[in-house]
Each structure stands twice: as C-alpha cells, then as structure tokens.
Amino acid sequence: MFWFLRRIGISLLLIWLVSTIVFLALHVVPGDPAEILLSSGGVAPDPATVEELRDRLGLNLPLLTQYGNFLVGVLQGDLGTSLVDEYPVVTEIALRLPRTLELILAGTIIAVAIALPAGTYAALHRGGLFDRIASGAAAFLLAIPVFVVGTLLVLAFAVELRWMPAGGYVPLAQDPGRHLLLLLMPSLAIAKGLAAVVFRMTRASVLDALSRDFVRTARAKGISPARVLTHHVVRNALVPVLTVLGLHMGTLLGGTVLVEYVFNWPGLSTPLLRAVEARDYPMVVGIVLTISGLFLLINLVMDLLYAALDPRVRAA
C-alpha cells in the first residue's frame, strides 16, 4: 500500500510541476492575447478597447493572483474559459478527448497485436528469414515520420485505390461501419512506430529470457515447451516490453496532433493549435494538463502491471 501511495504522490507532484511550467511559459511568450483577439485584417485595435478586454479577462491581475486563481480552479475541476470563443475549457476537452483516446487505443491494439507475436516468433527463430525481414521492416518504420506514413496511406488507399475515405469523422452511434473505416488509416499511421519499438523490445527480451538459468531448469524438469514459453519466457519478457509500451503510449498523446491534422480527425489537436496561435492561455494549459495527467496515469497503470508480473517491484 505504501508503494502505491508513493506512486500516486509522485504523479500528483509531477502534474503540479508541469502545469506550473506551462502556465509560466505561456505568460512570458511575446504577444498580448487581448490585442491578438481584437486584431482584424492587420489593423491595430483601439488601446482603450484592448485594456477593457484585458480587465474583463483578468489579464491585468498580478501573475501570482492569476496563478492562484488557476490552481483553485483546477482543484475545483474548473480549467477556466477559452479566451477565443468563451466556452468552458472542460467542455471542449470532454468533447474531443474521447476521440483522441480512441485513436491512441486503436493504434496501440493494432501495434501490440502485430508486434508481440512477431517479436516472440523472431526471437525463437533467431537469424532466420522471418527474423531478418521483420527486423529490417522495424528499422525502416522507425525511420519514417508519422506524417509521411499518413500521407502515403491517403495517397495509396484513398486517392489511387479508392478503397477508403481520405479522412473525416462520423460518430460511432450514427454509422458504426463508416466510423471504423475512418478510424483505420489514422490508427495504422499511429501504430507503425509503436509496433516497431514493441517488436524490437519483445525480440530482445525473449532472447534474454531464453538464455536464463530458470528456463534451462524448467526444460530439464521436462516441462512442455509451450508452458516454458508462456509461463517462464514470455511472462519475464513482458516487464521491459510494458516499460516501452507505457512510455510510447504517453508520447502518442502528443504525437497524434499531426495524424489528426492529416486525416481531419476532430481530436485535441485542432483546439490546441488554435489556442497556441491565439495565446489562449486557459485552453493551452487545460489541454496540456490533461495530456500530462493521462501520461502519468498510463505510467501508473504500467507500474501496477509491473508489480503484478514481478513482486520484486513492490519492494523497490
């Protein structure tokens, strides 16, 4: 229990640090949000109007007061109101976050479903034809940026072959078939890098486990090869694989921005890019805080899985 509470305490501390850094960083970036909001066609707004808007938005308050109001709002579940459209930040995030999470979850499932058995098979047949081809493909996929993969998928399957729509979004409840069809290509674009990393880590971990004394002992006892593989090799190889998977699932939260843009998927990327451009402090901080919290939550879940797979972790 102490181990679990310590992990939660560290996660909460990191969320506070991230939110503080982002809040302060946005306030030192050049540009007045009120002036940006009132600018139109390159014409400078009236100074009195700018000052009135700054007072209404609370931007004339001392920085510490703004920061204190921000922390109180976060503790109350209130991330403020967007400076651009005056919608509550929580409402915007609640609408778009499930779409981003759906994209990440689908990409992760595809990556793990392909890479985990492929990495295990490559390790069991080290140096064989499949091992060489799969290892080369993994290195190739790691070298290609995600936006290039997304563009190539659109060019191949939407433009040339016309098998799939180029992009867009349809709610699952409205049309499940088209929703899954629109989800497929962006999920594949996200899965390519994660699949390559999981494959390489799985292969290396299984090879390491195969050389351990406990595997040789299990074989000497006459335990069936299938049981040795599932209960001794794969179980011990999963710990480093989970580490990599947890880290990369967290980075996918930020990496989906380009994928959502290429495939016109209405996730968190659109309001985030718009908020950065308009110096919309509440929206930027709210989205970054949400992404950071999810990243730490994913890693906390991975820590719990480590403890389930390896009891020595709880004693660390």
Protein backbone atom coordinates (compact mmCIF):
# COMPACT_ATOMS: atom_id res chain seq x y z
CA MET A 1 0.00 0.00 0.00
CA PHE A 2 2.84 2.42 0.80
CA TRP A 3 4.39 1.72 -2.60
CA PHE A 4 1.09 2.51 -4.32
CA LEU A 5 0.52 5.74 -2.34
CA ARG A 6 4.08 6.87 -3.06
CA ARG A 7 3.50 6.41 -6.80
CA ILE A 8 0.29 8.44 -6.62
CA GLY A 9 2.03 11.20 -4.66
CA ILE A 10 4.84 11.42 -7.20
CA SER A 11 2.31 11.58 -10.05
CA LEU A 12 0.37 14.43 -8.41
CA LEU A 13 3.61 16.35 -7.81
CA LEU A 14 4.62 15.97 -11.45
CA ILE A 15 1.21 17.18 -12.64
CA TRP A 16 1.59 20.30 -10.48
CA LEU A 17 5.09 20.95 -11.82
CA VAL A 18 4.02 20.53 -15.45
CA SER A 19 1.01 22.80 -15.05
CA THR A 20 3.12 25.46 -13.33
CA ILE A 21 5.81 25.37 -16.01
CA VAL A 22 3.26 25.62 -18.83
CA PHE A 23 1.38 28.44 -17.09
CA LEU A 24 4.55 30.49 -16.60
CA ALA A 25 5.94 29.71 -20.07
CA LEU A 26 2.81 30.97 -21.81
CA HIS A 27 2.92 34.23 -19.85
CA VAL A 28 6.48 35.04 -20.92
CA VAL A 29 5.79 34.39 -24.62
CA PRO A 30 5.63 37.68 -26.54
CA GLY A 31 2.16 38.79 -27.60
CA ASP A 32 -0.89 40.21 -25.87
CA PRO A 33 -3.89 37.82 -26.02
CA ALA A 34 -6.37 40.71 -25.86
CA GLU A 35 -4.65 42.51 -28.72
CA ILE A 36 -4.48 39.31 -30.79
CA LEU A 37 -8.18 38.63 -30.24
CA LEU A 38 -9.18 42.16 -31.29
CA SER A 39 -6.84 42.38 -34.29
CA SER A 40 -8.56 42.05 -37.66
CA GLY A 41 -7.07 42.38 -41.12
CA GLY A 42 -3.77 43.62 -39.75
CA VAL A 43 -5.40 46.73 -38.24
CA ALA A 44 -4.25 47.61 -34.73
CA PRO A 45 -7.14 47.68 -32.24
CA ASP A 46 -8.01 50.67 -30.12
CA PRO A 47 -5.84 50.72 -26.94
CA ALA A 48 -8.84 51.51 -24.74
CA THR A 49 -10.72 48.51 -26.12
CA VAL A 50 -7.68 46.29 -25.55
CA GLU A 51 -7.38 47.49 -21.96
CA GLU A 52 -11.09 46.89 -21.34
CA LEU A 53 -10.81 43.33 -22.67
CA ARG A 54 -7.73 42.68 -20.53
CA ASP A 55 -9.68 43.78 -17.44
CA ARG A 56 -12.62 41.55 -18.37
CA LEU A 57 -10.37 38.52 -18.95
CA GLY A 58 -8.40 39.12 -15.75
CA LEU A 59 -5.12 39.59 -17.60
CA ASN A 60 -4.32 42.78 -15.69
CA LEU A 61 -4.23 40.92 -12.40
CA PRO A 62 -0.79 40.21 -10.89
CA LEU A 63 0.75 36.98 -12.17
CA LEU A 64 0.64 35.35 -8.75
CA THR A 65 -3.07 36.15 -8.45
CA GLN A 66 -3.74 34.64 -11.87
CA TYR A 67 -1.72 31.56 -10.88
CA GLY A 68 -3.60 31.23 -7.59
CA ASN A 69 -6.95 31.50 -9.36
CA PHE A 70 -5.77 28.87 -11.82
CA LEU A 71 -4.80 26.41 -9.07
CA VAL A 72 -8.07 26.92 -7.22
CA GLY A 73 -9.97 26.32 -10.45
CA VAL A 74 -8.05 23.11 -11.18
CA LEU A 75 -8.78 21.78 -7.69
CA GLN A 76 -12.47 22.53 -8.27
CA GLY A 77 -12.45 20.88 -11.70
CA ASP A 78 -12.70 24.24 -13.47
CA LEU A 79 -9.99 24.88 -16.07
CA GLY A 80 -11.32 28.30 -16.98
CA THR A 81 -12.96 29.72 -20.09
CA SER A 82 -11.44 29.95 -23.56
CA LEU A 83 -10.34 33.47 -24.46
CA VAL A 84 -11.28 32.89 -28.11
CA ASP A 85 -14.83 31.54 -28.08
CA GLU A 86 -15.60 31.92 -24.34
CA TYR A 87 -16.56 28.23 -23.98
CA PRO A 88 -15.57 26.36 -20.83
CA VAL A 89 -12.27 24.57 -21.40
CA VAL A 90 -13.56 21.44 -19.64
CA THR A 91 -16.46 21.22 -22.11
CA GLU A 92 -14.16 21.38 -25.12
CA ILE A 93 -11.78 18.79 -23.69
CA ALA A 94 -14.63 16.47 -22.69
CA LEU A 95 -15.94 16.61 -26.27
CA ARG A 96 -12.64 15.96 -28.06
CA LEU A 97 -10.59 13.86 -25.65
CA PRO A 98 -12.54 10.60 -26.23
CA ARG A 99 -11.80 10.87 -29.96
CA THR A 100 -8.07 11.24 -29.35
CA LEU A 101 -8.08 8.38 -26.82
CA GLU A 102 -9.98 6.19 -29.28
CA LEU A 103 -7.31 6.83 -31.89
CA ILE A 104 -4.49 6.01 -29.47
CA LEU A 105 -6.23 2.89 -28.14
CA ALA A 106 -6.90 1.56 -31.64
CA GLY A 107 -3.30 2.21 -32.71
CA THR A 108 -1.95 0.53 -29.57
CA ILE A 109 -4.14 -2.56 -30.04
CA ILE A 110 -3.01 -2.91 -33.66
CA ALA A 111 0.66 -2.43 -32.73
CA VAL A 112 0.63 -4.93 -29.86
CA ALA A 113 -1.42 -7.50 -31.78
CA ILE A 114 1.18 -7.47 -34.56
CA ALA A 115 4.45 -6.78 -32.75
CA LEU A 116 4.17 -9.04 -29.69
CA PRO A 117 3.74 -12.37 -31.51
CA ALA A 118 6.07 -11.26 -34.30
CA GLY A 119 8.84 -10.35 -31.84
CA THR A 120 8.42 -13.63 -29.96
CA TYR A 121 8.50 -15.67 -33.18
CA ALA A 122 11.56 -13.78 -34.44
CA ALA A 123 13.41 -14.49 -31.17
CA LEU A 124 12.50 -18.19 -31.27
CA HIS A 125 13.82 -18.36 -34.86
CA ARG A 126 16.77 -16.04 -34.44
CA GLY A 127 18.74 -15.48 -37.65
CA GLY A 128 16.02 -16.98 -39.83
CA LEU A 129 14.36 -15.41 -42.83
CA PHE A 130 11.41 -14.03 -40.84
CA ASP A 131 13.73 -12.53 -38.22
CA ARG A 132 15.81 -10.71 -40.83
CA ILE A 133 12.82 -9.40 -42.77
CA ALA A 134 10.90 -8.30 -39.66
CA SER A 135 13.93 -6.63 -38.09
CA GLY A 136 14.61 -4.73 -41.30
CA ALA A 137 10.98 -3.66 -41.55
CA ALA A 138 11.00 -2.43 -37.95
CA ALA A 139 14.10 -0.31 -38.57
CA PHE A 140 12.53 1.07 -41.75
CA LEU A 141 9.27 2.02 -39.98
CA LEU A 142 11.15 3.78 -37.18
CA ALA A 143 12.91 5.96 -39.74
CA ILE A 144 9.72 7.24 -41.39
CA PRO A 145 7.92 10.21 -39.76
CA VAL A 146 4.30 9.62 -38.87
CA PHE A 147 3.00 12.39 -41.13
CA VAL A 148 4.78 10.81 -44.11
CA VAL A 149 3.13 7.46 -43.37
CA GLY A 150 -0.24 9.18 -43.05
CA THR A 151 0.20 11.00 -46.35
CA LEU A 152 1.27 7.79 -48.12
CA LEU A 153 -1.73 5.91 -46.74
CA VAL A 154 -4.09 8.61 -48.03
CA LEU A 155 -2.33 8.65 -51.42
CA ALA A 156 -2.40 4.86 -51.79
CA PHE A 157 -5.74 3.78 -50.34
CA ALA A 158 -7.87 6.92 -50.79
CA VAL A 159 -6.56 8.58 -53.94
CA GLU A 160 -5.19 5.73 -56.07
CA LEU A 161 -7.13 2.63 -54.99
CA ARG A 162 -10.21 4.49 -53.67
CA TRP A 163 -10.76 1.80 -51.03
CA MET A 164 -11.15 4.20 -48.11
CA PRO A 165 -12.16 7.82 -47.50
CA ALA A 166 -9.25 10.23 -47.18
CA GLY A 167 -10.33 11.44 -43.77
CA GLY A 168 -13.09 12.87 -41.65
CA TYR A 169 -15.17 11.76 -38.71
CA VAL A 170 -18.58 10.14 -38.20
CA PRO A 171 -19.87 9.34 -34.69
CA LEU A 172 -19.95 5.65 -33.85
CA ALA A 173 -23.63 5.76 -32.89
CA GLN A 174 -24.56 7.36 -36.21
CA ASP A 175 -22.76 4.94 -38.56
CA PRO A 176 -20.57 2.25 -36.92
CA GLY A 177 -19.23 0.86 -40.20
CA ARG A 178 -18.08 4.20 -41.60
CA HIS A 179 -16.73 5.23 -38.20
CA LEU A 180 -14.45 2.18 -38.08
CA LEU A 181 -13.46 2.72 -41.71
CA LEU A 182 -12.42 6.31 -40.98
CA LEU A 183 -10.59 5.14 -37.86
CA LEU A 184 -8.49 2.50 -39.64
CA MET A 185 -5.95 4.59 -41.55
CA PRO A 186 -5.06 7.06 -38.75
CA SER A 187 -4.77 4.11 -36.36
CA LEU A 188 -2.34 2.39 -38.73
CA ALA A 189 -0.31 5.58 -39.01
CA ILE A 190 -0.03 5.79 -35.22
CA ALA A 191 0.65 2.05 -34.84
CA LYS A 192 3.64 1.91 -37.18
CA GLY A 193 6.21 3.43 -34.81
CA LEU A 194 4.87 1.73 -31.70
CA ALA A 195 4.78 -1.64 -33.45
CA ALA A 196 8.42 -1.30 -34.48
CA VAL A 197 9.51 -0.43 -30.93
CA VAL A 198 7.46 -3.19 -29.30
CA PHE A 199 8.74 -5.74 -31.83
CA ARG A 200 12.38 -4.92 -31.15
CA MET A 201 11.94 -4.88 -27.38
CA THR A 202 9.95 -8.14 -27.41
CA ARG A 203 12.58 -9.86 -29.53
CA ALA A 204 15.42 -8.68 -27.28
CA SER A 205 13.55 -9.55 -24.06
CA VAL A 206 12.58 -13.04 -25.23
CA LEU A 207 16.15 -13.74 -26.34
CA ASP A 208 17.41 -12.63 -22.92
CA ALA A 209 14.84 -14.77 -21.10
CA LEU A 210 15.70 -17.83 -23.21
CA SER A 211 19.31 -17.64 -22.01
CA ARG A 212 18.38 -17.54 -18.29
CA ASP A 213 19.07 -20.42 -15.91
CA PHE A 214 15.44 -20.76 -14.83
CA VAL A 215 14.43 -21.54 -18.44
CA ARG A 216 17.09 -24.23 -18.74
CA THR A 217 16.00 -25.65 -15.38
CA ALA A 218 12.35 -25.74 -16.49
CA ARG A 219 13.32 -27.59 -19.64
CA ALA A 220 15.46 -30.04 -17.67
CA LYS A 221 12.46 -30.84 -15.47
CA GLY A 222 10.57 -31.96 -18.56
CA ILE A 223 8.06 -29.11 -18.65
CA SER A 224 6.40 -28.84 -22.05
CA PRO A 225 7.91 -26.25 -24.45
CA ALA A 226 4.58 -24.39 -24.68
CA ARG A 227 4.37 -23.99 -20.89
CA VAL A 228 8.01 -22.92 -20.68
CA LEU A 229 7.34 -20.29 -23.32
CA THR A 230 4.14 -18.87 -21.79
CA HIS A 231 4.88 -19.19 -18.05
CA HIS A 232 8.62 -18.58 -17.94
CA VAL A 233 9.86 -16.84 -21.07
CA VAL A 234 7.03 -14.52 -22.11
CA ARG A 235 6.00 -13.61 -18.55
CA ASN A 236 9.51 -12.42 -17.69
CA ALA A 237 9.98 -10.76 -21.08
CA LEU A 238 6.83 -8.67 -20.66
CA VAL A 239 8.24 -6.37 -17.96
CA PRO A 240 10.63 -4.39 -20.23
CA VAL A 241 8.04 -4.53 -23.02
CA LEU A 242 5.47 -2.89 -20.73
CA THR A 243 8.00 -0.19 -19.86
CA VAL A 244 8.46 0.74 -23.50
CA LEU A 245 4.76 0.43 -24.21
CA GLY A 246 3.84 2.74 -21.34
CA LEU A 247 6.34 5.40 -22.37
CA HIS A 248 5.31 5.34 -26.02
CA MET A 249 1.60 5.31 -25.26
CA GLY A 250 2.20 8.53 -23.33
CA THR A 251 4.12 10.12 -26.20
CA LEU A 252 1.32 9.16 -28.58
CA LEU A 253 -0.89 11.65 -26.73
CA GLY A 254 1.29 14.39 -28.17
CA GLY A 255 2.14 12.64 -31.42
CA THR A 256 -1.47 12.35 -32.55
CA VAL A 257 -1.53 16.07 -33.42
CA LEU A 258 -0.07 15.51 -36.89
CA VAL A 259 -2.12 12.38 -37.51
CA GLU A 260 -5.36 14.14 -36.58
CA TYR A 261 -4.42 17.01 -38.88
CA VAL A 262 -3.60 14.75 -41.86
CA PHE A 263 -6.82 12.73 -41.53
CA ASN A 264 -9.04 15.61 -40.34
CA TRP A 265 -9.83 13.72 -37.14
CA PRO A 266 -11.51 16.13 -34.65
CA GLY A 267 -9.48 15.37 -31.54
CA LEU A 268 -7.50 17.66 -29.25
CA SER A 269 -5.09 18.84 -31.96
CA THR A 270 -7.36 21.47 -33.52
CA PRO A 271 -8.19 23.43 -30.34
CA LEU A 272 -4.58 23.09 -29.14
CA LEU A 273 -3.06 24.55 -32.33
CA ARG A 274 -5.69 27.29 -32.43
CA ALA A 275 -5.13 28.12 -28.76
CA VAL A 276 -1.34 28.37 -29.15
CA GLU A 277 -1.73 30.70 -32.12
CA ALA A 278 -4.24 32.92 -30.30
CA ARG A 279 -2.38 32.89 -26.94
CA ASP A 280 -5.46 31.28 -25.39
CA TYR A 281 -3.84 30.54 -22.01
CA PRO A 282 -6.72 28.62 -20.36
CA MET A 283 -7.19 26.32 -23.34
CA VAL A 284 -3.48 25.56 -23.80
CA VAL A 285 -2.91 24.92 -20.10
CA GLY A 286 -6.08 22.82 -19.85
CA ILE A 287 -5.16 20.57 -22.79
CA VAL A 288 -1.51 20.22 -21.74
CA LEU A 289 -2.59 19.46 -18.17
CA THR A 290 -5.00 16.80 -19.46
CA ILE A 291 -2.33 15.19 -21.65
CA SER A 292 0.19 15.25 -18.80
CA GLY A 293 -2.30 13.71 -16.39
CA LEU A 294 -3.12 10.92 -18.84
CA PHE A 295 0.59 10.30 -19.45
CA LEU A 296 1.20 9.91 -15.72
CA LEU A 297 -1.93 7.77 -15.34
CA ILE A 298 -0.71 5.41 -18.07
CA ASN A 299 2.65 5.07 -16.36
CA LEU A 300 0.94 4.48 -13.00
CA VAL A 301 -1.08 1.65 -14.56
CA MET A 302 2.12 0.22 -16.02
CA ASP A 303 3.73 0.33 -12.57
CA LEU A 304 0.83 -1.70 -11.20
CA LEU A 305 1.24 -4.23 -14.01
CA TYR A 306 4.98 -4.49 -13.20
CA ALA A 307 4.09 -5.30 -9.62
CA ALA A 308 1.65 -7.97 -10.76
CA LEU A 309 4.22 -9.57 -13.06
CA ASP A 310 7.22 -9.17 -10.76
CA PRO A 311 6.62 -8.94 -6.96
CA ARG A 312 10.18 -7.62 -6.51
CA VAL A 313 9.00 -4.29 -7.92
CA ARG A 314 6.79 -3.67 -4.87
CA ALA A 315 9.84 -3.97 -2.62
CA ALA A 316 11.79 -1.38 -4.61
